[in-house]
Amino acid sequence: EFDDQTLYRSVIGSLLYISTWTRPDISLSVNLLSRHVGKAKEFHWKCIKKLLRYLQHTKSLSLLLEPTHTDIAELCCYTDADWASDKSRRSTSGYIMFLNGCPVFWKVLKQNFVSCSSTEAE
């Protein structure tokens, strides 16, 4: 078990804030790591450190919503889900919405129910 669970919770809280507001690319990783708050192992801490290094090396990435040259805005949405990858057999879903090519809304969550098929999980 990881020695400093308080530190783990604190870093996860910061990562949740970042992934919610500015970095959709880390949402899945943060969601999976946050499932171990209170019972984190050394492996999970190593994953957090790797994620922090990734953020350090990609800090120049930004969200940029540029005006279009037409009166038509393009809205696009992608969704995906795994099937029963968690020990509880609950699936993880995610979606992201783009406005004119810029991510404007995204979420990753563990479903509240057990899906009987990959189609149902989607």
PDB file of N, CA and C in Angstrom:
ATOM      1  N   GLU A   1       0.843  -1.189   0.000  1.00  0.00           N
ATOM      2  CA  GLU A   1       0.000   0.000   0.000  1.00  0.00           C
ATOM      3  C   GLU A   1       0.882   1.244   0.000  1.00  0.00           C
ATOM      4  N   PHE A   2       0.409   2.290  -0.674  1.00  0.00           N
ATOM      5  CA  PHE A   2       1.137   3.551  -0.738  1.00  0.00           C
ATOM      6  C   PHE A   2       1.087   4.226   0.625  1.00  0.00           C
ATOM      7  N   ASP A   3       2.206   4.768   1.074  1.00  0.00           N
ATOM      8  CA  ASP A   3       2.332   5.301   2.434  1.00  0.00           C
ATOM      9  C   ASP A   3       1.489   6.541   2.714  1.00  0.00           C
ATOM     10  N   ASP A   4       1.390   7.447   1.770  1.00  0.00           N
ATOM     11  CA  ASP A   4       0.753   8.741   2.033  1.00  0.00           C
ATOM     12  C   ASP A   4      -0.566   8.877   1.265  1.00  0.00           C
ATOM     13  N   GLN A   5      -1.619   8.313   1.818  1.00  0.00           N
ATOM     14  CA  GLN A   5      -2.934   8.351   1.168  1.00  0.00           C
ATOM     15  C   GLN A   5      -3.465   9.782   1.063  1.00  0.00           C
ATOM     16  N   THR A   6      -3.099  10.649   2.026  1.00  0.00           N
ATOM     17  CA  THR A   6      -3.531  12.045   1.984  1.00  0.00           C
ATOM     18  C   THR A   6      -2.939  12.749   0.768  1.00  0.00           C
ATOM     19  N   LEU A   7      -1.674  12.517   0.504  1.00  0.00           N
ATOM     20  CA  LEU A   7      -1.026  13.091  -0.675  1.00  0.00           C
ATOM     21  C   LEU A   7      -1.692  12.572  -1.948  1.00  0.00           C
ATOM     22  N   TYR A   8      -1.978  11.284  -1.980  1.00  0.00           N
ATOM     23  CA  TYR A   8      -2.636  10.688  -3.151  1.00  0.00           C
ATOM     24  C   TYR A   8      -3.975  11.380  -3.408  1.00  0.00           C
ATOM     25  N   ARG A   9      -4.792  11.544  -2.350  1.00  0.00           N
ATOM     26  CA  ARG A   9      -6.097  12.201  -2.491  1.00  0.00           C
ATOM     27  C   ARG A   9      -5.941  13.638  -2.980  1.00  0.00           C
ATOM     28  N   SER A  10      -4.954  14.334  -2.448  1.00  0.00           N
ATOM     29  CA  SER A  10      -4.725  15.723  -2.827  1.00  0.00           C
ATOM     30  C   SER A  10      -4.353  15.848  -4.304  1.00  0.00           C
ATOM     31  N   VAL A  11      -3.445  15.005  -4.758  1.00  0.00           N
ATOM     32  CA  VAL A  11      -3.028  15.051  -6.163  1.00  0.00           C
ATOM     33  C   VAL A  11      -4.190  14.651  -7.073  1.00  0.00           C
ATOM     34  N   ILE A  12      -4.948  13.641  -6.686  1.00  0.00           N
ATOM     35  CA  ILE A  12      -6.118  13.233  -7.477  1.00  0.00           C
ATOM     36  C   ILE A  12      -7.112  14.389  -7.577  1.00  0.00           C
ATOM     37  N   GLY A  13      -7.335  15.096  -6.481  1.00  0.00           N
ATOM     38  CA  GLY A  13      -8.238  16.250  -6.511  1.00  0.00           C
ATOM     39  C   GLY A  13      -7.787  17.299  -7.511  1.00  0.00           C
ATOM     40  N   SER A  14      -6.500  17.581  -7.526  1.00  0.00           N
ATOM     41  CA  SER A  14      -5.955  18.551  -8.486  1.00  0.00           C
ATOM     42  C   SER A  14      -6.093  18.044  -9.919  1.00  0.00           C
ATOM     43  N   LEU A  15      -5.807  16.767 -10.116  1.00  0.00           N
ATOM     44  CA  LEU A  15      -5.925  16.188 -11.459  1.00  0.00           C
ATOM     45  C   LEU A  15      -7.382  16.169 -11.935  1.00  0.00           C
ATOM     46  N   LEU A  16      -8.313  15.923 -11.014  1.00  0.00           N
ATOM     47  CA  LEU A  16      -9.735  15.957 -11.381  1.00  0.00           C
ATOM     48  C   LEU A  16     -10.128  17.352 -11.862  1.00  0.00           C
ATOM     49  N   TYR A  17      -9.642  18.370 -11.174  1.00  0.00           N
ATOM     50  CA  TYR A  17      -9.935  19.745 -11.575  1.00  0.00           C
ATOM     51  C   TYR A  17      -9.394  20.009 -12.981  1.00  0.00           C
ATOM     52  N   ILE A  18      -8.143  19.642 -13.203  1.00  0.00           N
ATOM     53  CA  ILE A  18      -7.501  19.872 -14.503  1.00  0.00           C
ATOM     54  C   ILE A  18      -8.231  19.107 -15.609  1.00  0.00           C
ATOM     55  N   SER A  19      -8.557  17.843 -15.340  1.00  0.00           N
ATOM     56  CA  SER A  19      -9.198  17.029 -16.384  1.00  0.00           C
ATOM     57  C   SER A  19     -10.631  17.483 -16.659  1.00  0.00           C
ATOM     58  N   THR A  20     -11.280  18.071 -15.672  1.00  0.00           N
ATOM     59  CA  THR A  20     -12.654  18.533 -15.851  1.00  0.00           C
ATOM     60  C   THR A  20     -12.728  19.817 -16.668  1.00  0.00           C
ATOM     61  N   TRP A  21     -11.759  20.694 -16.490  1.00  0.00           N
ATOM     62  CA  TRP A  21     -11.864  22.020 -17.095  1.00  0.00           C
ATOM     63  C   TRP A  21     -10.958  22.272 -18.293  1.00  0.00           C
ATOM     64  N   THR A  22      -9.807  21.597 -18.381  1.00  0.00           N
ATOM     65  CA  THR A  22      -8.886  21.997 -19.447  1.00  0.00           C
ATOM     66  C   THR A  22      -8.223  20.864 -20.213  1.00  0.00           C
ATOM     67  N   ARG A  23      -8.235  19.650 -19.697  1.00  0.00           N
ATOM     68  CA  ARG A  23      -7.461  18.591 -20.343  1.00  0.00           C
ATOM     69  C   ARG A  23      -8.283  17.315 -20.523  1.00  0.00           C
ATOM     70  N   PRO A  24      -9.092  17.250 -21.579  1.00  0.00           N
ATOM     71  CA  PRO A  24      -9.878  16.040 -21.811  1.00  0.00           C
ATOM     72  C   PRO A  24      -9.008  14.816 -22.083  1.00  0.00           C
ATOM     73  N   ASP A  25      -7.769  15.028 -22.497  1.00  0.00           N
ATOM     74  CA  ASP A  25      -6.886  13.911 -22.834  1.00  0.00           C
ATOM     75  C   ASP A  25      -6.493  13.071 -21.623  1.00  0.00           C
ATOM     76  N   ILE A  26      -6.661  13.601 -20.405  1.00  0.00           N
ATOM     77  CA  ILE A  26      -6.298  12.819 -19.216  1.00  0.00           C
ATOM     78  C   ILE A  26      -7.517  12.336 -18.435  1.00  0.00           C
ATOM     79  N   SER A  27      -8.709  12.595 -18.934  1.00  0.00           N
ATOM     80  CA  SER A  27      -9.931  12.264 -18.189  1.00  0.00           C
ATOM     81  C   SER A  27     -10.045  10.789 -17.829  1.00  0.00           C
ATOM     82  N   LEU A  28      -9.774   9.908 -18.767  1.00  0.00           N
ATOM     83  CA  LEU A  28      -9.891   8.476 -18.478  1.00  0.00           C
ATOM     84  C   LEU A  28      -8.867   8.049 -17.431  1.00  0.00           C
ATOM     85  N   SER A  29      -7.631   8.471 -17.587  1.00  0.00           N
ATOM     86  CA  SER A  29      -6.584   8.096 -16.627  1.00  0.00           C
ATOM     87  C   SER A  29      -6.928   8.570 -15.225  1.00  0.00           C
ATOM     88  N   VAL A  30      -7.381   9.814 -15.114  1.00  0.00           N
ATOM     89  CA  VAL A  30      -7.729  10.363 -13.802  1.00  0.00           C
ATOM     90  C   VAL A  30      -8.929   9.624 -13.220  1.00  0.00           C
ATOM     91  N   ASN A  31      -9.910   9.314 -14.053  1.00  0.00           N
ATOM     92  CA  ASN A  31     -11.074   8.568 -13.586  1.00  0.00           C
ATOM     93  C   ASN A  31     -10.661   7.215 -13.016  1.00  0.00           C
ATOM     94  N   LEU A  32      -9.801   6.513 -13.725  1.00  0.00           N
ATOM     95  CA  LEU A  32      -9.365   5.190 -13.258  1.00  0.00           C
ATOM     96  C   LEU A  32      -8.529   5.297 -11.983  1.00  0.00           C
ATOM     97  N   LEU A  33      -7.634   6.279 -11.913  1.00  0.00           N
ATOM     98  CA  LEU A  33      -6.797   6.440 -10.720  1.00  0.00           C
ATOM     99  C   LEU A  33      -7.617   6.894  -9.512  1.00  0.00           C
ATOM    100  N   SER A  34      -8.668   7.659  -9.739  1.00  0.00           N
ATOM    101  CA  SER A  34      -9.483   8.143  -8.618  1.00  0.00           C
ATOM    102  C   SER A  34     -10.277   7.021  -7.953  1.00  0.00           C
ATOM    103  N   ARG A  35     -10.414   5.902  -8.613  1.00  0.00           N
ATOM    104  CA  ARG A  35     -11.127   4.764  -8.021  1.00  0.00           C
ATOM    105  C   ARG A  35     -10.343   4.125  -6.878  1.00  0.00           C
ATOM    106  N   HIS A  36      -9.088   4.510  -6.718  1.00  0.00           N
ATOM    107  CA  HIS A  36      -8.242   3.894  -5.692  1.00  0.00           C
ATOM    108  C   HIS A  36      -7.947   4.835  -4.534  1.00  0.00           C
ATOM    109  N   VAL A  37      -8.688   5.939  -4.439  1.00  0.00           N
ATOM    110  CA  VAL A  37      -8.510   6.868  -3.328  1.00  0.00           C
ATOM    111  C   VAL A  37      -8.819   6.124  -2.030  1.00  0.00           C
ATOM    112  N   GLY A  38      -7.922   6.214  -1.070  1.00  0.00           N
ATOM    113  CA  GLY A  38      -8.106   5.538   0.211  1.00  0.00           C
ATOM    114  C   GLY A  38      -7.474   4.166   0.273  1.00  0.00           C
ATOM    115  N   LYS A  39      -7.176   3.579  -0.876  1.00  0.00           N
ATOM    116  CA  LYS A  39      -6.555   2.250  -0.885  1.00  0.00           C
ATOM    117  C   LYS A  39      -5.507   2.144  -1.994  1.00  0.00           C
ATOM    118  N   ALA A  40      -4.863   3.260  -2.267  1.00  0.00           N
ATOM    119  CA  ALA A  40      -3.885   3.300  -3.360  1.00  0.00           C
ATOM    120  C   ALA A  40      -2.659   2.458  -3.035  1.00  0.00           C
ATOM    121  N   LYS A  41      -2.155   1.829  -4.048  1.00  0.00           N
ATOM    122  CA  LYS A  41      -0.920   1.046  -3.949  1.00  0.00           C
ATOM    123  C   LYS A  41       0.214   1.861  -4.564  1.00  0.00           C
ATOM    124  N   GLU A  42       1.425   1.382  -4.367  1.00  0.00           N
ATOM    125  CA  GLU A  42       2.597   2.047  -4.939  1.00  0.00           C
ATOM    126  C   GLU A  42       2.474   2.137  -6.465  1.00  0.00           C
ATOM    127  N   PHE A  43       1.896   1.120  -7.087  1.00  0.00           N
ATOM    128  CA  PHE A  43       1.686   1.117  -8.537  1.00  0.00           C
ATOM    129  C   PHE A  43       0.856   2.320  -8.977  1.00  0.00           C
ATOM    130  N   HIS A  44      -0.208   2.633  -8.233  1.00  0.00           N
ATOM    131  CA  HIS A  44      -1.077   3.752  -8.583  1.00  0.00           C
ATOM    132  C   HIS A  44      -0.320   5.077  -8.464  1.00  0.00           C
ATOM    133  N   TRP A  45       0.525   5.197  -7.445  1.00  0.00           N
ATOM    134  CA  TRP A  45       1.323   6.405  -7.278  1.00  0.00           C
ATOM    135  C   TRP A  45       2.301   6.562  -8.452  1.00  0.00           C
ATOM    136  N   LYS A  46       2.876   5.465  -8.899  1.00  0.00           N
ATOM    137  CA  LYS A  46       3.778   5.528 -10.058  1.00  0.00           C
ATOM    138  C   LYS A  46       3.013   5.980 -11.301  1.00  0.00           C
ATOM    139  N   CYS A  47       1.782   5.532 -11.434  1.00  0.00           N
ATOM    140  CA  CYS A  47       0.953   5.966 -12.573  1.00  0.00           C
ATOM    141  C   CYS A  47       0.661   7.465 -12.490  1.00  0.00           C
ATOM    142  N   ILE A  48       0.405   7.960 -11.287  1.00  0.00           N
ATOM    143  CA  ILE A  48       0.179   9.399 -11.111  1.00  0.00           C
ATOM    144  C   ILE A  48       1.425  10.178 -11.499  1.00  0.00           C
ATOM    145  N   LYS A  49       2.584   9.705 -11.066  1.00  0.00           N
ATOM    146  CA  LYS A  49       3.825  10.406 -11.405  1.00  0.00           C
ATOM    147  C   LYS A  49       4.047  10.416 -12.920  1.00  0.00           C
ATOM    148  N   LYS A  50       3.710   9.329 -13.571  1.00  0.00           N
ATOM    149  CA  LYS A  50       3.835   9.272 -15.034  1.00  0.00           C
ATOM    150  C   LYS A  50       2.861  10.263 -15.685  1.00  0.00           C
ATOM    151  N   LEU A  51       1.651  10.345 -15.150  1.00  0.00           N
ATOM    152  CA  LEU A  51       0.666  11.288 -15.671  1.00  0.00           C
ATOM    153  C   LEU A  51       1.126  12.735 -15.461  1.00  0.00           C
ATOM    154  N   LEU A  52       1.726  13.021 -14.308  1.00  0.00           N
ATOM    155  CA  LEU A  52       2.247  14.366 -14.048  1.00  0.00           C
ATOM    156  C   LEU A  52       3.387  14.711 -15.005  1.00  0.00           C
ATOM    157  N   ARG A  53       4.235  13.735 -15.311  1.00  0.00           N
ATOM    158  CA  ARG A  53       5.306  13.968 -16.292  1.00  0.00           C
ATOM    159  C   ARG A  53       4.708  14.239 -17.674  1.00  0.00           C
ATOM    160  N   TYR A  54       3.654  13.501 -18.018  1.00  0.00           N
ATOM    161  CA  TYR A  54       2.975  13.736 -19.294  1.00  0.00           C
ATOM    162  C   TYR A  54       2.448  15.174 -19.352  1.00  0.00           C
ATOM    163  N   LEU A  55       1.817  15.623 -18.266  1.00  0.00           N
ATOM    164  CA  LEU A  55       1.302  16.993 -18.231  1.00  0.00           C
ATOM    165  C   LEU A  55       2.433  18.011 -18.361  1.00  0.00           C
ATOM    166  N   GLN A  56       3.542  17.740 -17.705  1.00  0.00           N
ATOM    167  CA  GLN A  56       4.693  18.643 -17.786  1.00  0.00           C
ATOM    168  C   GLN A  56       5.191  18.764 -19.226  1.00  0.00           C
ATOM    169  N   HIS A  57       5.242  17.647 -19.930  1.00  0.00           N
ATOM    170  CA  HIS A  57       5.762  17.649 -21.297  1.00  0.00           C
ATOM    171  C   HIS A  57       4.743  18.121 -22.339  1.00  0.00           C
ATOM    172  N   THR A  58       3.487  18.240 -21.948  1.00  0.00           N
ATOM    173  CA  THR A  58       2.453  18.677 -22.896  1.00  0.00           C
ATOM    174  C   THR A  58       1.768  19.955 -22.423  1.00  0.00           C
ATOM    175  N   LYS A  59       2.446  20.733 -21.594  1.00  0.00           N
ATOM    176  CA  LYS A  59       1.818  21.936 -21.038  1.00  0.00           C
ATOM    177  C   LYS A  59       1.519  22.993 -22.098  1.00  0.00           C
ATOM    178  N   SER A  60       2.092  22.850 -23.280  1.00  0.00           N
ATOM    179  CA  SER A  60       1.803  23.814 -24.349  1.00  0.00           C
ATOM    180  C   SER A  60       0.459  23.526 -25.029  1.00  0.00           C
ATOM    181  N   LEU A  61      -0.142  22.376 -24.770  1.00  0.00           N
ATOM    182  CA  LEU A  61      -1.451  22.069 -25.355  1.00  0.00           C
ATOM    183  C   LEU A  61      -2.506  22.997 -24.758  1.00  0.00           C
ATOM    184  N   SER A  62      -3.417  23.430 -25.582  1.00  0.00           N
ATOM    185  CA  SER A  62      -4.480  24.301 -25.084  1.00  0.00           C
ATOM    186  C   SER A  62      -5.748  24.070 -25.898  1.00  0.00           C
ATOM    187  N   LEU A  63      -6.846  24.515 -25.337  1.00  0.00           N
ATOM    188  CA  LEU A  63      -8.122  24.470 -26.034  1.00  0.00           C
ATOM    189  C   LEU A  63      -8.320  25.827 -26.700  1.00  0.00           C
ATOM    190  N   LEU A  64      -8.612  25.817 -27.974  1.00  0.00           N
ATOM    191  CA  LEU A  64      -8.764  27.068 -28.710  1.00  0.00           C
ATOM    192  C   LEU A  64     -10.023  26.994 -29.559  1.00  0.00           C
ATOM    193  N   LEU A  65     -10.991  27.792 -29.195  1.00  0.00           N
ATOM    194  CA  LEU A  65     -12.245  27.866 -29.945  1.00  0.00           C
ATOM    195  C   LEU A  65     -12.166  29.094 -30.843  1.00  0.00           C
ATOM    196  N   GLU A  66     -11.955  28.847 -32.120  1.00  0.00           N
ATOM    197  CA  GLU A  66     -11.778  29.939 -33.071  1.00  0.00           C
ATOM    198  C   GLU A  66     -13.087  30.259 -33.783  1.00  0.00           C
ATOM    199  N   PRO A  67     -13.258  31.525 -34.150  1.00  0.00           N
ATOM    200  CA  PRO A  67     -14.467  31.880 -34.908  1.00  0.00           C
ATOM    201  C   PRO A  67     -14.425  31.255 -36.299  1.00  0.00           C
ATOM    202  N   THR A  68     -15.590  30.992 -36.828  1.00  0.00           N
ATOM    203  CA  THR A  68     -15.670  30.431 -38.181  1.00  0.00           C
ATOM    204  C   THR A  68     -15.995  31.547 -39.169  1.00  0.00           C
ATOM    205  N   HIS A  69     -15.775  31.263 -40.422  1.00  0.00           N
ATOM    206  CA  HIS A  69     -16.050  32.243 -41.469  1.00  0.00           C
ATOM    207  C   HIS A  69     -17.464  32.095 -42.018  1.00  0.00           C
ATOM    208  N   THR A  70     -18.235  31.238 -41.393  1.00  0.00           N
ATOM    209  CA  THR A  70     -19.631  31.055 -41.807  1.00  0.00           C
ATOM    210  C   THR A  70     -20.523  31.256 -40.596  1.00  0.00           C
ATOM    211  N   ASP A  71     -21.802  31.314 -40.837  1.00  0.00           N
ATOM    212  CA  ASP A  71     -22.768  31.457 -39.746  1.00  0.00           C
ATOM    213  C   ASP A  71     -23.161  30.113 -39.149  1.00  0.00           C
ATOM    214  N   ILE A  72     -22.580  29.043 -39.664  1.00  0.00           N
ATOM    215  CA  ILE A  72     -22.944  27.702 -39.221  1.00  0.00           C
ATOM    216  C   ILE A  72     -21.873  27.159 -38.278  1.00  0.00           C
ATOM    217  N   ALA A  73     -22.302  26.765 -37.098  1.00  0.00           N
ATOM    218  CA  ALA A  73     -21.389  26.136 -36.142  1.00  0.00           C
ATOM    219  C   ALA A  73     -21.488  24.625 -36.318  1.00  0.00           C
ATOM    220  N   GLU A  74     -20.355  23.963 -36.231  1.00  0.00           N
ATOM    221  CA  GLU A  74     -20.332  22.508 -36.375  1.00  0.00           C
ATOM    222  C   GLU A  74     -20.195  21.871 -34.996  1.00  0.00           C
ATOM    223  N   LEU A  75     -21.186  21.076 -34.624  1.00  0.00           N
ATOM    224  CA  LEU A  75     -21.176  20.367 -33.352  1.00  0.00           C
ATOM    225  C   LEU A  75     -21.025  18.879 -33.636  1.00  0.00           C
ATOM    226  N   CYS A  76     -20.065  18.250 -32.988  1.00  0.00           N
ATOM    227  CA  CYS A  76     -19.779  16.837 -33.229  1.00  0.00           C
ATOM    228  C   CYS A  76     -19.595  16.148 -31.879  1.00  0.00           C
ATOM    229  N   CYS A  77     -20.124  14.944 -31.748  1.00  0.00           N
ATOM    230  CA  CYS A  77     -20.034  14.217 -30.481  1.00  0.00           C
ATOM    231  C   CYS A  77     -19.552  12.792 -30.732  1.00  0.00           C
ATOM    232  N   TYR A  78     -18.646  12.334 -29.879  1.00  0.00           N
ATOM    233  CA  TYR A  78     -18.156  10.957 -29.935  1.00  0.00           C
ATOM    234  C   TYR A  78     -18.408  10.303 -28.581  1.00  0.00           C
ATOM    235  N   THR A  79     -18.795   9.051 -28.607  1.00  0.00           N
ATOM    236  CA  THR A  79     -18.992   8.293 -27.378  1.00  0.00           C
ATOM    237  C   THR A  79     -18.288   6.950 -27.499  1.00  0.00           C
ATOM    238  N   ASP A  80     -17.986   6.374 -26.362  1.00  0.00           N
ATOM    239  CA  ASP A  80     -17.401   5.039 -26.350  1.00  0.00           C
ATOM    240  C   ASP A  80     -17.619   4.442 -24.966  1.00  0.00           C
ATOM    241  N   ALA A  81     -17.550   3.145 -24.888  1.00  0.00           N
ATOM    242  CA  ALA A  81     -17.676   2.449 -23.613  1.00  0.00           C
ATOM    243  C   ALA A  81     -16.922   1.135 -23.697  1.00  0.00           C
ATOM    244  N   ASP A  82     -16.390   0.727 -22.567  1.00  0.00           N
ATOM    245  CA  ASP A  82     -15.841  -0.625 -22.518  1.00  0.00           C
ATOM    246  C   ASP A  82     -16.948  -1.527 -21.978  1.00  0.00           C
ATOM    247  N   TRP A  83     -16.673  -2.778 -21.858  1.00  0.00           N
ATOM    248  CA  TRP A  83     -17.703  -3.674 -21.348  1.00  0.00           C
ATOM    249  C   TRP A  83     -17.152  -4.449 -20.165  1.00  0.00           C
ATOM    250  N   ALA A  84     -17.674  -4.153 -18.988  1.00  0.00           N
ATOM    251  CA  ALA A  84     -17.414  -4.918 -17.766  1.00  0.00           C
ATOM    252  C   ALA A  84     -15.929  -5.051 -17.441  1.00  0.00           C
ATOM    253  N   SER A  85     -15.174  -3.969 -17.603  1.00  0.00           N
ATOM    254  CA  SER A  85     -13.733  -4.056 -17.332  1.00  0.00           C
ATOM    255  C   SER A  85     -13.408  -3.920 -15.849  1.00  0.00           C
ATOM    256  N   ASP A  86     -14.340  -3.419 -15.065  1.00  0.00           N
ATOM    257  CA  ASP A  86     -14.121  -3.227 -13.638  1.00  0.00           C
ATOM    258  C   ASP A  86     -14.408  -4.525 -12.879  1.00  0.00           C
ATOM    259  N   LYS A  87     -13.811  -4.649 -11.690  1.00  0.00           N
ATOM    260  CA  LYS A  87     -14.067  -5.844 -10.869  1.00  0.00           C
ATOM    261  C   LYS A  87     -15.548  -6.009 -10.559  1.00  0.00           C
ATOM    262  N   SER A  88     -16.254  -4.890 -10.460  1.00  0.00           N
ATOM    263  CA  SER A  88     -17.691  -4.932 -10.180  1.00  0.00           C
ATOM    264  C   SER A  88     -18.508  -5.293 -11.426  1.00  0.00           C
ATOM    265  N   ARG A  89     -17.823  -5.443 -12.572  1.00  0.00           N
ATOM    266  CA  ARG A  89     -18.417  -5.769 -13.873  1.00  0.00           C
ATOM    267  C   ARG A  89     -19.178  -4.582 -14.468  1.00  0.00           C
ATOM    268  N   ARG A  90     -19.051  -3.408 -13.839  1.00  0.00           N
ATOM    269  CA  ARG A  90     -19.676  -2.207 -14.395  1.00  0.00           C
ATOM    270  C   ARG A  90     -18.771  -1.622 -15.473  1.00  0.00           C
ATOM    271  N   SER A  91     -19.364  -1.135 -16.509  1.00  0.00           N
ATOM    272  CA  SER A  91     -18.625  -0.593 -17.648  1.00  0.00           C
ATOM    273  C   SER A  91     -18.249   0.865 -17.414  1.00  0.00           C
ATOM    274  N   THR A  92     -17.262   1.329 -18.164  1.00  0.00           N
ATOM    275  CA  THR A  92     -16.858   2.728 -18.141  1.00  0.00           C
ATOM    276  C   THR A  92     -17.259   3.357 -19.468  1.00  0.00           C
ATOM    277  N   SER A  93     -17.926   4.510 -19.383  1.00  0.00           N
ATOM    278  CA  SER A  93     -18.378   5.229 -20.571  1.00  0.00           C
ATOM    279  C   SER A  93     -17.669   6.570 -20.656  1.00  0.00           C
ATOM    280  N   GLY A  94     -17.603   7.080 -21.855  1.00  0.00           N
ATOM    281  CA  GLY A  94     -17.042   8.406 -22.040  1.00  0.00           C
ATOM    282  C   GLY A  94     -17.637   9.067 -23.260  1.00  0.00           C
ATOM    283  N   TYR A  95     -17.667  10.381 -23.227  1.00  0.00           N
ATOM    284  CA  TYR A  95     -18.109  11.117 -24.402  1.00  0.00           C
ATOM    285  C   TYR A  95     -17.385  12.449 -24.462  1.00  0.00           C
ATOM    286  N   ILE A  96     -17.293  12.983 -25.666  1.00  0.00           N
ATOM    287  CA  ILE A  96     -16.665  14.282 -25.884  1.00  0.00           C
ATOM    288  C   ILE A  96     -17.422  14.992 -26.994  1.00  0.00           C
ATOM    289  N   MET A  97     -17.678  16.280 -26.777  1.00  0.00           N
ATOM    290  CA  MET A  97     -18.367  17.102 -27.769  1.00  0.00           C
ATOM    291  C   MET A  97     -17.409  18.182 -28.261  1.00  0.00           C
ATOM    292  N   PHE A  98     -17.391  18.358 -29.574  1.00  0.00           N
ATOM    293  CA  PHE A  98     -16.547  19.370 -30.203  1.00  0.00           C
ATOM    294  C   PHE A  98     -17.430  20.445 -30.820  1.00  0.00           C
ATOM    295  N   LEU A  99     -17.051  21.687 -30.648  1.00  0.00           N
ATOM    296  CA  LEU A  99     -17.692  22.799 -31.330  1.00  0.00           C
ATOM    297  C   LEU A  99     -16.645  23.420 -32.241  1.00  0.00           C
ATOM    298  N   ASN A 100     -16.885  23.332 -33.531  1.00  0.00           N
ATOM    299  CA  ASN A 100     -15.923  23.817 -34.529  1.00  0.00           C
ATOM    300  C   ASN A 100     -14.531  23.232 -34.314  1.00  0.00           C
ATOM    301  N   GLY A 101     -14.485  21.955 -33.954  1.00  0.00           N
ATOM    302  CA  GLY A 101     -13.214  21.248 -33.812  1.00  0.00           C
ATOM    303  C   GLY A 101     -12.539  21.384 -32.463  1.00  0.00           C
ATOM    304  N   CYS A 102     -13.119  22.141 -31.553  1.00  0.00           N
ATOM    305  CA  CYS A 102     -12.526  22.327 -30.224  1.00  0.00           C
ATOM    306  C   CYS A 102     -13.365  21.590 -29.179  1.00  0.00           C
ATOM    307  N   PRO A 103     -12.741  20.771 -28.319  1.00  0.00           N
ATOM    308  CA  PRO A 103     -13.507  20.105 -27.268  1.00  0.00           C
ATOM    309  C   PRO A 103     -14.139  21.136 -26.332  1.00  0.00           C
ATOM    310  N   VAL A 104     -15.442  21.012 -26.108  1.00  0.00           N
ATOM    311  CA  VAL A 104     -16.135  21.947 -25.223  1.00  0.00           C
ATOM    312  C   VAL A 104     -16.824  21.243 -24.052  1.00  0.00           C
ATOM    313  N   PHE A 105     -17.027  19.932 -24.169  1.00  0.00           N
ATOM    314  CA  PHE A 105     -17.666  19.191 -23.081  1.00  0.00           C
ATOM    315  C   PHE A 105     -17.238  17.740 -23.171  1.00  0.00           C
ATOM    316  N   TRP A 106     -16.847  17.166 -22.032  1.00  0.00           N
ATOM    317  CA  TRP A 106     -16.415  15.774 -22.018  1.00  0.00           C
ATOM    318  C   TRP A 106     -16.640  15.194 -20.636  1.00  0.00           C
ATOM    319  N   LYS A 107     -16.758  13.890 -20.594  1.00  0.00           N
ATOM    320  CA  LYS A 107     -16.956  13.213 -19.313  1.00  0.00           C
ATOM    321  C   LYS A 107     -16.592  11.744 -19.458  1.00  0.00           C
ATOM    322  N   VAL A 108     -16.025  11.193 -18.389  1.00  0.00           N
ATOM    323  CA  VAL A 108     -15.750   9.762 -18.276  1.00  0.00           C
ATOM    324  C   VAL A 108     -16.373   9.317 -16.963  1.00  0.00           C
ATOM    325  N   LEU A 109     -17.126   8.231 -16.975  1.00  0.00           N
ATOM    326  CA  LEU A 109     -17.758   7.769 -15.744  1.00  0.00           C
ATOM    327  C   LEU A 109     -17.971   6.264 -15.756  1.00  0.00           C
ATOM    328  N   LYS A 110     -17.999   5.714 -14.546  1.00  0.00           N
ATOM    329  CA  LYS A 110     -18.343   4.302 -14.390  1.00  0.00           C
ATOM    330  C   LYS A 110     -19.864   4.218 -14.345  1.00  0.00           C
ATOM    331  N   GLN A 111     -20.433   3.329 -15.146  1.00  0.00           N
ATOM    332  CA  GLN A 111     -21.884   3.210 -15.215  1.00  0.00           C
ATOM    333  C   GLN A 111     -22.447   2.705 -13.887  1.00  0.00           C
ATOM    334  N   ASN A 112     -23.695   3.071 -13.614  1.00  0.00           N
ATOM    335  CA  ASN A 112     -24.351   2.698 -12.357  1.00  0.00           C
ATOM    336  C   ASN A 112     -24.949   1.298 -12.379  1.00  0.00           C
ATOM    337  N   PHE A 113     -24.851   0.619 -13.494  1.00  0.00           N
ATOM    338  CA  PHE A 113     -25.479  -0.697 -13.637  1.00  0.00           C
ATOM    339  C   PHE A 113     -24.515  -1.634 -14.351  1.00  0.00           C
ATOM    340  N   VAL A 114     -24.802  -2.910 -14.294  1.00  0.00           N
ATOM    341  CA  VAL A 114     -24.003  -3.915 -14.989  1.00  0.00           C
ATOM    342  C   VAL A 114     -24.653  -4.184 -16.338  1.00  0.00           C
ATOM    343  N   SER A 115     -23.902  -3.968 -17.404  1.00  0.00           N
ATOM    344  CA  SER A 115     -24.412  -4.207 -18.757  1.00  0.00           C
ATOM    345  C   SER A 115     -24.277  -5.683 -19.108  1.00  0.00           C
ATOM    346  N   CYS A 116     -25.240  -6.195 -19.846  1.00  0.00           N
ATOM    347  CA  CYS A 116     -25.218  -7.601 -20.247  1.00  0.00           C
ATOM    348  C   CYS A 116     -24.487  -7.825 -21.568  1.00  0.00           C
ATOM    349  N   SER A 117     -24.163  -6.739 -22.277  1.00  0.00           N
ATOM    350  CA  SER A 117     -23.452  -6.869 -23.550  1.00  0.00           C
ATOM    351  C   SER A 117     -22.716  -5.566 -23.844  1.00  0.00           C
ATOM    352  N   SER A 118     -21.799  -5.621 -24.799  1.00  0.00           N
ATOM    353  CA  SER A 118     -21.080  -4.404 -25.183  1.00  0.00           C
ATOM    354  C   SER A 118     -22.030  -3.397 -25.829  1.00  0.00           C
ATOM    355  N   THR A 119     -23.038  -3.889 -26.521  1.00  0.00           N
ATOM    356  CA  THR A 119     -24.028  -3.002 -27.132  1.00  0.00           C
ATOM    357  C   THR A 119     -24.792  -2.238 -26.064  1.00  0.00           C
ATOM    358  N   GLU A 120     -25.185  -2.926 -25.005  1.00  0.00           N
ATOM    359  CA  GLU A 120     -25.901  -2.272 -23.918  1.00  0.00           C
ATOM    360  C   GLU A 120     -24.999  -1.272 -23.198  1.00  0.00           C
ATOM    361  N   ALA A 121     -23.719  -1.588 -23.067  1.00  0.00           N
ATOM    362  CA  ALA A 121     -22.775  -0.678 -22.415  1.00  0.00           C
ATOM    363  C   ALA A 121     -22.646   0.628 -23.183  1.00  0.00           C
ATOM    364  N   GLU A 122     -22.721   0.528 -24.517  1.00  0.00           N
ATOM    365  CA  GLU A 122     -22.614   1.730 -25.351  1.00  0.00           C
ATOM    366  C   GLU A 122     -23.830   2.596 -25.134  1.00  0.00           C
TER     367      GLU A 122
END
